[in-house]
PDB file of N, CA and C in Angstrom:
ATOM      1  N   MET A   1     -20.941  92.598 234.961  1.00  0.00           N
ATOM      2  CA  MET A   1     -20.943  91.272 234.415  1.00  0.00           C
ATOM      3  C   MET A   1     -19.445  91.259 233.845  1.00  0.00           C
ATOM      4  N   ALA A   2     -18.908  89.951 233.980  1.00  0.00           N
ATOM      5  CA  ALA A   2     -17.540  89.742 233.314  1.00  0.00           C
ATOM      6  C   ALA A   2     -17.820  89.367 231.845  1.00  0.00           C
ATOM      7  N   THR A   3     -16.765  89.933 231.395  1.00  0.00           N
ATOM      8  CA  THR A   3     -16.725  89.737 229.645  1.00  0.00           C
ATOM      9  C   THR A   3     -16.229  88.361 229.323  1.00  0.00           C
ATOM     10  N   ASP A   4     -15.116  88.074 229.898  1.00  0.00           N
ATOM     11  CA  ASP A   4     -14.750  86.660 229.720  1.00  0.00           C
ATOM     12  C   ASP A   4     -15.705  85.496 230.098  1.00  0.00           C
ATOM     13  N   ARG A   5     -16.110  84.867 228.952  1.00  0.00           N
ATOM     14  CA  ARG A   5     -17.044  83.614 229.144  1.00  0.00           C
ATOM     15  C   ARG A   5     -16.652  82.839 230.295  1.00  0.00           C
ATOM     16  N   HIS A   6     -15.378  82.477 230.650  1.00  0.00           N
ATOM     17  CA  HIS A   6     -15.055  81.471 231.586  1.00  0.00           C
ATOM     18  C   HIS A   6     -15.240  82.154 233.032  1.00  0.00           C
ATOM     19  N   GLN A   7     -15.134  83.535 233.109  1.00  0.00           N
ATOM     20  CA  GLN A   7     -15.566  84.059 234.320  1.00  0.00           C
ATOM     21  C   GLN A   7     -17.067  84.517 234.706  1.00  0.00           C
ATOM     22  N   ALA A   8     -17.767  84.446 233.505  1.00  0.00           N
ATOM     23  CA  ALA A   8     -19.444  84.607 233.717  1.00  0.00           C
ATOM     24  C   ALA A   8     -19.816  83.485 234.396  1.00  0.00           C
ATOM     25  N   PRO A   9     -20.743  83.838 235.363  1.00  0.00           N
ATOM     26  CA  PRO A   9     -21.437  82.512 235.903  1.00  0.00           C
ATOM     27  C   PRO A   9     -22.468  81.940 234.730  1.00  0.00           C
ATOM     28  N   SER A  10     -22.295  80.507 234.832  1.00  0.00           N
ATOM     29  CA  SER A  10     -23.194  79.921 233.862  1.00  0.00           C
ATOM     30  C   SER A  10     -24.843  79.768 234.426  1.00  0.00           C
ATOM     31  N   TYR A  11     -25.589  79.619 233.650  1.00  0.00           N
ATOM     32  CA  TYR A  11     -26.879  79.620 233.664  1.00  0.00           C
ATOM     33  C   TYR A  11     -27.482  78.688 232.791  1.00  0.00           C
ATOM     34  N   PRO A  12     -27.925  77.558 233.418  1.00  0.00           N
ATOM     35  CA  PRO A  12     -28.673  76.501 232.413  1.00  0.00           C
ATOM     36  C   PRO A  12     -29.778  77.118 232.083  1.00  0.00           C
ATOM     37  N   LEU A  13     -30.178  76.851 230.586  1.00  0.00           N
ATOM     38  CA  LEU A  13     -31.426  77.168 230.058  1.00  0.00           C
ATOM     39  C   LEU A  13     -32.044  76.039 229.191  1.00  0.00           C
ATOM     40  N   ARG A  14     -33.284  75.788 229.467  1.00  0.00           N
ATOM     41  CA  ARG A  14     -33.992  74.846 228.747  1.00  0.00           C
ATOM     42  C   ARG A  14     -34.707  75.444 227.722  1.00  0.00           C
ATOM     43  N   LEU A  15     -34.740  74.870 226.536  1.00  0.00           N
ATOM     44  CA  LEU A  15     -35.464  75.380 225.374  1.00  0.00           C
ATOM     45  C   LEU A  15     -36.055  74.252 224.755  1.00  0.00           C
ATOM     46  N   ASP A  16     -37.271  74.730 224.267  1.00  0.00           N
ATOM     47  CA  ASP A  16     -38.063  73.552 223.566  1.00  0.00           C
ATOM     48  C   ASP A  16     -37.237  73.244 222.047  1.00  0.00           C
ATOM     49  N   GLU A  17     -37.352  72.226 221.585  1.00  0.00           N
ATOM     50  CA  GLU A  17     -36.547  71.865 220.422  1.00  0.00           C
ATOM     51  C   GLU A  17     -36.648  72.838 219.178  1.00  0.00           C
ATOM     52  N   ASP A  18     -37.932  73.089 218.849  1.00  0.00           N
ATOM     53  CA  ASP A  18     -38.167  74.028 217.731  1.00  0.00           C
ATOM     54  C   ASP A  18     -37.501  75.416 218.073  1.00  0.00           C
ATOM     55  N   LEU A  19     -37.648  75.961 219.231  1.00  0.00           N
ATOM     56  CA  LEU A  19     -37.209  77.216 219.481  1.00  0.00           C
ATOM     57  C   LEU A  19     -35.597  77.277 219.275  1.00  0.00           C
ATOM     58  N   ARG A  20     -34.954  76.100 219.876  1.00  0.00           N
ATOM     59  CA  ARG A  20     -33.450  76.053 219.852  1.00  0.00           C
ATOM     60  C   ARG A  20     -33.135  75.819 218.345  1.00  0.00           C
ATOM     61  N   THR A  21     -33.874  74.989 217.740  1.00  0.00           N
ATOM     62  CA  THR A  21     -33.552  74.946 216.145  1.00  0.00           C
ATOM     63  C   THR A  21     -33.386  76.283 215.462  1.00  0.00           C
ATOM     64  N   GLN A  22     -34.407  76.997 215.599  1.00  0.00           N
ATOM     65  CA  GLN A  22     -34.543  78.385 215.032  1.00  0.00           C
ATOM     66  C   GLN A  22     -33.463  79.326 215.482  1.00  0.00           C
ATOM     67  N   LEU A  23     -33.115  79.272 216.904  1.00  0.00           N
ATOM     68  CA  LEU A  23     -32.188  80.117 217.275  1.00  0.00           C
ATOM     69  C   LEU A  23     -30.908  79.565 216.720  1.00  0.00           C
ATOM     70  N   GLN A  24     -30.495  78.413 216.623  1.00  0.00           N
ATOM     71  CA  GLN A  24     -29.411  77.873 216.172  1.00  0.00           C
ATOM     72  C   GLN A  24     -29.089  78.127 214.736  1.00  0.00           C
ATOM     73  N   ALA A  25     -30.228  78.185 213.961  1.00  0.00           N
ATOM     74  CA  ALA A  25     -30.082  78.637 212.466  1.00  0.00           C
ATOM     75  C   ALA A  25     -29.806  80.016 212.425  1.00  0.00           C
ATOM     76  N   ALA A  26     -30.345  80.882 213.347  1.00  0.00           N
ATOM     77  CA  ALA A  26     -30.186  82.381 213.259  1.00  0.00           C
ATOM     78  C   ALA A  26     -28.754  82.672 213.567  1.00  0.00           C
ATOM     79  N   ALA A  27     -28.203  81.915 214.603  1.00  0.00           N
ATOM     80  CA  ALA A  27     -26.791  82.145 214.929  1.00  0.00           C
ATOM     81  C   ALA A  27     -25.779  81.677 213.846  1.00  0.00           C
ATOM     82  N   GLU A  28     -26.077  80.618 213.370  1.00  0.00           N
ATOM     83  CA  GLU A  28     -25.129  80.314 212.147  1.00  0.00           C
ATOM     84  C   GLU A  28     -25.298  81.193 210.921  1.00  0.00           C
ATOM     85  N   GLU A  29     -26.436  81.806 210.649  1.00  0.00           N
ATOM     86  CA  GLU A  29     -26.571  82.809 209.647  1.00  0.00           C
ATOM     87  C   GLU A  29     -25.730  83.980 209.944  1.00  0.00           C
ATOM     88  N   LYS A  30     -25.588  84.530 211.292  1.00  0.00           N
ATOM     89  CA  LYS A  30     -24.942  85.567 211.733  1.00  0.00           C
ATOM     90  C   LYS A  30     -23.410  85.248 212.056  1.00  0.00           C
ATOM     91  N   GLN A  31     -23.250  83.848 211.869  1.00  0.00           N
ATOM     92  CA  GLN A  31     -21.820  83.407 212.337  1.00  0.00           C
ATOM     93  C   GLN A  31     -21.395  83.746 213.669  1.00  0.00           C
ATOM     94  N   ARG A  32     -22.251  83.439 214.569  1.00  0.00           N
ATOM     95  CA  ARG A  32     -22.003  83.471 216.020  1.00  0.00           C
ATOM     96  C   ARG A  32     -22.628  82.318 216.788  1.00  0.00           C
ATOM     97  N   SER A  33     -22.047  82.101 218.067  1.00  0.00           N
ATOM     98  CA  SER A  33     -22.604  80.855 218.849  1.00  0.00           C
ATOM     99  C   SER A  33     -24.003  81.212 219.239  1.00  0.00           C
ATOM    100  N   LEU A  34     -24.565  80.107 219.560  1.00  0.00           N
ATOM    101  CA  LEU A  34     -26.108  79.967 220.010  1.00  0.00           C
ATOM    102  C   LEU A  34     -25.960  80.974 221.461  1.00  0.00           C
ATOM    103  N   ASN A  35     -25.083  80.875 222.197  1.00  0.00           N
ATOM    104  CA  ASN A  35     -25.087  81.658 223.330  1.00  0.00           C
ATOM    105  C   ASN A  35     -25.104  83.024 222.926  1.00  0.00           C
ATOM    106  N   ALA A  36     -24.293  83.493 221.953  1.00  0.00           N
ATOM    107  CA  ALA A  36     -24.216  84.888 221.605  1.00  0.00           C
ATOM    108  C   ALA A  36     -25.538  85.393 221.036  1.00  0.00           C
ATOM    109  N   GLU A  37     -26.052  84.539 220.113  1.00  0.00           N
ATOM    110  CA  GLU A  37     -27.408  84.758 219.589  1.00  0.00           C
ATOM    111  C   GLU A  37     -28.671  84.974 220.543  1.00  0.00           C
ATOM    112  N   ILE A  38     -28.560  84.215 221.558  1.00  0.00           N
ATOM    113  CA  ILE A  38     -29.615  84.509 222.589  1.00  0.00           C
ATOM    114  C   ILE A  38     -29.429  85.638 223.437  1.00  0.00           C
ATOM    115  N   GLN A  39     -28.137  86.112 223.746  1.00  0.00           N
ATOM    116  CA  GLN A  39     -27.712  87.109 224.338  1.00  0.00           C
ATOM    117  C   GLN A  39     -28.134  88.360 223.582  1.00  0.00           C
ATOM    118  N   ALA A  40     -27.684  88.424 222.181  1.00  0.00           N
ATOM    119  CA  ALA A  40     -28.189  89.649 221.316  1.00  0.00           C
ATOM    120  C   ALA A  40     -29.611  89.745 221.284  1.00  0.00           C
ATOM    121  N   ARG A  41     -30.511  88.891 221.156  1.00  0.00           N
ATOM    122  CA  ARG A  41     -31.919  88.864 221.191  1.00  0.00           C
ATOM    123  C   ARG A  41     -32.541  89.254 222.560  1.00  0.00           C
ATOM    124  N   LEU A  42     -32.055  88.683 223.584  1.00  0.00           N
ATOM    125  CA  LEU A  42     -32.490  89.222 224.988  1.00  0.00           C
ATOM    126  C   LEU A  42     -32.233  90.706 225.190  1.00  0.00           C
ATOM    127  N   LYS A  43     -30.967  91.269 224.741  1.00  0.00           N
ATOM    128  CA  LYS A  43     -30.720  92.560 224.905  1.00  0.00           C
ATOM    129  C   LYS A  43     -31.460  93.345 223.985  1.00  0.00           C
ATOM    130  N   LYS A  44     -31.620  92.936 222.809  1.00  0.00           N
ATOM    131  CA  LYS A  44     -32.674  93.734 221.858  1.00  0.00           C
ATOM    132  C   LYS A  44     -34.081  93.895 222.294  1.00  0.00           C
ATOM    133  N   SER A  45     -34.439  92.797 223.052  1.00  0.00           N
ATOM    134  CA  SER A  45     -35.848  92.929 223.698  1.00  0.00           C
ATOM    135  C   SER A  45     -36.024  93.700 224.808  1.00  0.00           C
ATOM    136  N   LEU A  46     -34.879  93.701 225.500  1.00  0.00           N
ATOM    137  CA  LEU A  46     -34.834  94.602 226.623  1.00  0.00           C
ATOM    138  C   LEU A  46     -34.872  96.209 226.154  1.00  0.00           C
ATOM    139  N   GLU A  47     -33.972  96.461 225.253  1.00  0.00           N
ATOM    140  CA  GLU A  47     -33.893  97.774 224.750  1.00  0.00           C
ATOM    141  C   GLU A  47     -35.323  98.169 224.136  1.00  0.00           C
ATOM    142  N   LEU A  48     -36.042  97.256 223.468  1.00  0.00           N
ATOM    143  CA  LEU A  48     -37.294  97.419 223.002  1.00  0.00           C
ATOM    144  C   LEU A  48     -38.183  97.847 223.808  1.00  0.00           C
ATOM    145  N   ASP A  49     -38.167  97.184 225.006  1.00  0.00           N
ATOM    146  CA  ASP A  49     -38.999  97.268 226.211  1.00  0.00           C
ATOM    147  C   ASP A  49     -38.624  98.778 227.123  1.00  0.00           C
ATOM    148  N   GLY A  50     -37.491  99.405 226.678  1.00  0.00           N
ATOM    149  CA  GLY A  50     -37.010 100.506 227.655  1.00  0.00           C
ATOM    150  C   GLY A  50     -36.317 100.168 228.725  1.00  0.00           C
ATOM    151  N   VAL A  51     -35.880  98.929 228.810  1.00  0.00           N
ATOM    152  CA  VAL A  51     -34.927  98.715 230.049  1.00  0.00           C
ATOM    153  C   VAL A  51     -33.616  99.083 229.750  1.00  0.00           C
ATOM    154  N   GLY A  52     -33.015  99.872 230.868  1.00  0.00           N
ATOM    155  CA  GLY A  52     -31.615 100.211 230.733  1.00  0.00           C
ATOM    156  C   GLY A  52     -31.466 101.613 230.401  1.00  0.00           C
ATOM    157  N   GLY A  53     -32.199 102.239 229.734  1.00  0.00           N
ATOM    158  CA  GLY A  53     -32.158 103.733 229.307  1.00  0.00           C
ATOM    159  C   GLY A  53     -31.037 104.382 228.685  1.00  0.00           C
ATOM    160  N   SER A  54     -30.295 103.323 227.867  1.00  0.00           N
ATOM    161  CA  SER A  54     -29.054 103.676 227.049  1.00  0.00           C
ATOM    162  C   SER A  54     -29.797 104.354 225.820  1.00  0.00           C
ATOM    163  N   LYS A  55     -28.748 104.902 225.069  1.00  0.00           N
ATOM    164  CA  LYS A  55     -29.013 105.784 223.794  1.00  0.00           C
ATOM    165  C   LYS A  55     -29.737 104.716 222.707  1.00  0.00           C
ATOM    166  N   ALA A  56     -29.323 103.457 222.822  1.00  0.00           N
ATOM    167  CA  ALA A  56     -29.640 102.486 221.995  1.00  0.00           C
ATOM    168  C   ALA A  56     -31.220 102.003 222.173  1.00  0.00           C
ATOM    169  N   SER A  57     -31.410 102.150 223.515  1.00  0.00           N
ATOM    170  CA  SER A  57     -32.822 101.712 223.940  1.00  0.00           C
ATOM    171  C   SER A  57     -33.830 102.949 223.551  1.00  0.00           C
ATOM    172  N   VAL A  58     -33.371 103.984 223.859  1.00  0.00           N
ATOM    173  CA  VAL A  58     -34.236 105.073 223.345  1.00  0.00           C
ATOM    174  C   VAL A  58     -34.469 105.301 221.897  1.00  0.00           C
ATOM    175  N   ALA A  59     -33.344 104.958 221.081  1.00  0.00           N
ATOM    176  CA  ALA A  59     -33.539 104.971 219.509  1.00  0.00           C
ATOM    177  C   ALA A  59     -34.306 103.878 219.163  1.00  0.00           C
ATOM    178  N   ALA A  60     -34.266 102.627 219.889  1.00  0.00           N
ATOM    179  CA  ALA A  60     -35.008 101.373 219.528  1.00  0.00           C
ATOM    180  C   ALA A  60     -36.416 101.786 219.740  1.00  0.00           C
ATOM    181  N   ARG A  61     -36.941 102.362 221.017  1.00  0.00           N
ATOM    182  CA  ARG A  61     -38.144 102.774 221.296  1.00  0.00           C
ATOM    183  C   ARG A  61     -38.690 103.530 220.450  1.00  0.00           C
ATOM    184  N   LEU A  62     -38.029 104.674 219.962  1.00  0.00           N
ATOM    185  CA  LEU A  62     -38.260 105.728 218.862  1.00  0.00           C
ATOM    186  C   LEU A  62     -38.822 105.022 217.484  1.00  0.00           C
ATOM    187  N   LEU A  63     -37.717 103.995 217.142  1.00  0.00           N
ATOM    188  CA  LEU A  63     -38.088 103.395 215.979  1.00  0.00           C
ATOM    189  C   LEU A  63     -39.242 102.623 216.095  1.00  0.00           C
ATOM    190  N   LYS A  64     -39.608 101.805 217.320  1.00  0.00           N
ATOM    191  CA  LYS A  64     -40.854 100.960 217.282  1.00  0.00           C
ATOM    192  C   LYS A  64     -41.948 101.965 217.369  1.00  0.00           C
ATOM    193  N   THR A  65     -41.936 102.966 217.917  1.00  0.00           N
ATOM    194  CA  THR A  65     -43.036 104.131 217.885  1.00  0.00           C
ATOM    195  C   THR A  65     -43.321 104.573 216.499  1.00  0.00           C
ATOM    196  N   LEU A  66     -42.331 104.715 216.000  1.00  0.00           N
ATOM    197  CA  LEU A  66     -42.685 105.202 214.481  1.00  0.00           C
ATOM    198  C   LEU A  66     -43.164 104.352 213.711  1.00  0.00           C
ATOM    199  N   ALA A  67     -42.884 102.834 213.878  1.00  0.00           N
ATOM    200  CA  ALA A  67     -43.397 101.894 212.855  1.00  0.00           C
ATOM    201  C   ALA A  67     -44.663 101.405 213.479  1.00  0.00           C
ATOM    202  N   ASP A  68     -45.051 101.642 214.736  1.00  0.00           N
ATOM    203  CA  ASP A  68     -46.520 101.546 215.177  1.00  0.00           C
ATOM    204  C   ASP A  68     -47.308 102.503 214.673  1.00  0.00           C
ATOM    205  N   ALA A  69     -46.860 103.970 214.580  1.00  0.00           N
ATOM    206  CA  ALA A  69     -47.713 104.977 214.197  1.00  0.00           C
ATOM    207  C   ALA A  69     -48.012 104.591 212.581  1.00  0.00           C
ATOM    208  N   ASP A  70     -46.803 104.335 211.786  1.00  0.00           N
ATOM    209  CA  ASP A  70     -46.982 104.069 210.414  1.00  0.00           C
ATOM    210  C   ASP A  70     -48.133 102.897 210.269  1.00  0.00           C
ATOM    211  N   ALA A  71     -47.864 102.069 210.871  1.00  0.00           N
ATOM    212  CA  ALA A  71     -48.895 100.821 210.851  1.00  0.00           C
ATOM    213  C   ALA A  71     -50.367 101.210 211.136  1.00  0.00           C
ATOM    214  N   LEU A  72     -50.492 102.085 212.142  1.00  0.00           N
ATOM    215  CA  LEU A  72     -51.736 102.807 212.418  1.00  0.00           C
ATOM    216  C   LEU A  72     -52.269 103.620 211.188  1.00  0.00           C
ATOM    217  N   ALA A  73     -51.481 104.370 210.821  1.00  0.00           N
ATOM    218  CA  ALA A  73     -51.814 105.184 209.757  1.00  0.00           C
ATOM    219  C   ALA A  73     -52.086 104.620 208.492  1.00  0.00           C
ATOM    220  N   ARG A  74     -51.590 103.422 207.961  1.00  0.00           N
ATOM    221  CA  ARG A  74     -52.034 102.617 207.026  1.00  0.00           C
ATOM    222  C   ARG A  74     -53.346 101.962 207.162  1.00  0.00           C
ATOM    223  N   GLN A  75     -53.636 101.521 208.249  1.00  0.00           N
ATOM    224  CA  GLN A  75     -55.043 100.932 208.822  1.00  0.00           C
ATOM    225  C   GLN A  75     -55.943 102.007 208.510  1.00  0.00           C
ATOM    226  N   LEU A  76     -55.821 103.166 209.020  1.00  0.00           N
ATOM    227  CA  LEU A  76     -56.630 104.212 208.793  1.00  0.00           C
ATOM    228  C   LEU A  76     -56.994 104.557 207.518  1.00  0.00           C
ATOM    229  N   ALA A  77     -55.834 104.353 206.669  1.00  0.00           N
ATOM    230  CA  ALA A  77     -56.129 104.799 205.182  1.00  0.00           C
ATOM    231  C   ALA A  77     -56.773 103.638 204.599  1.00  0.00           C
ATOM    232  N   ASN A  78     -56.629 102.469 204.988  1.00  0.00           N
ATOM    233  CA  ASN A  78     -57.326 101.302 204.273  1.00  0.00           C
ATOM    234  C   ASN A  78     -58.860 101.339 204.699  1.00  0.00           C
ATOM    235  N   LYS A  79     -59.199 101.798 205.853  1.00  0.00           N
ATOM    236  CA  LYS A  79     -60.587 102.047 206.234  1.00  0.00           C
ATOM    237  C   LYS A  79     -61.166 103.173 205.624  1.00  0.00           C
ATOM    238  N   ALA A  80     -60.364 104.100 205.177  1.00  0.00           N
ATOM    239  CA  ALA A  80     -60.966 105.358 204.614  1.00  0.00           C
ATOM    240  C   ALA A  80     -61.406 105.085 203.188  1.00  0.00           C
ATOM    241  N   SER A  81     -60.552 104.092 202.744  1.00  0.00           N
ATOM    242  CA  SER A  81     -60.948 103.820 201.176  1.00  0.00           C
ATOM    243  C   SER A  81     -61.862 102.981 200.817  1.00  0.00           C
TER     244      SER A  81
END
């Protein structure tokens, strides 16, 4: 994929108004464009799903697994009390 935004093929994307507003607010908070925010979130989502096999995706899956295990341990502790 080309890194220059003028060389990358465009892809029209329809978003409902509420989602676009939320994404725009998140983009502004991080001082980046709406496009950059959407790309960052999609990339993170793919990493969490284990797509790509990069070190970042392995680390993301590990962190998610640890968080899931922690949540399960808390649930079990609450049931035991």
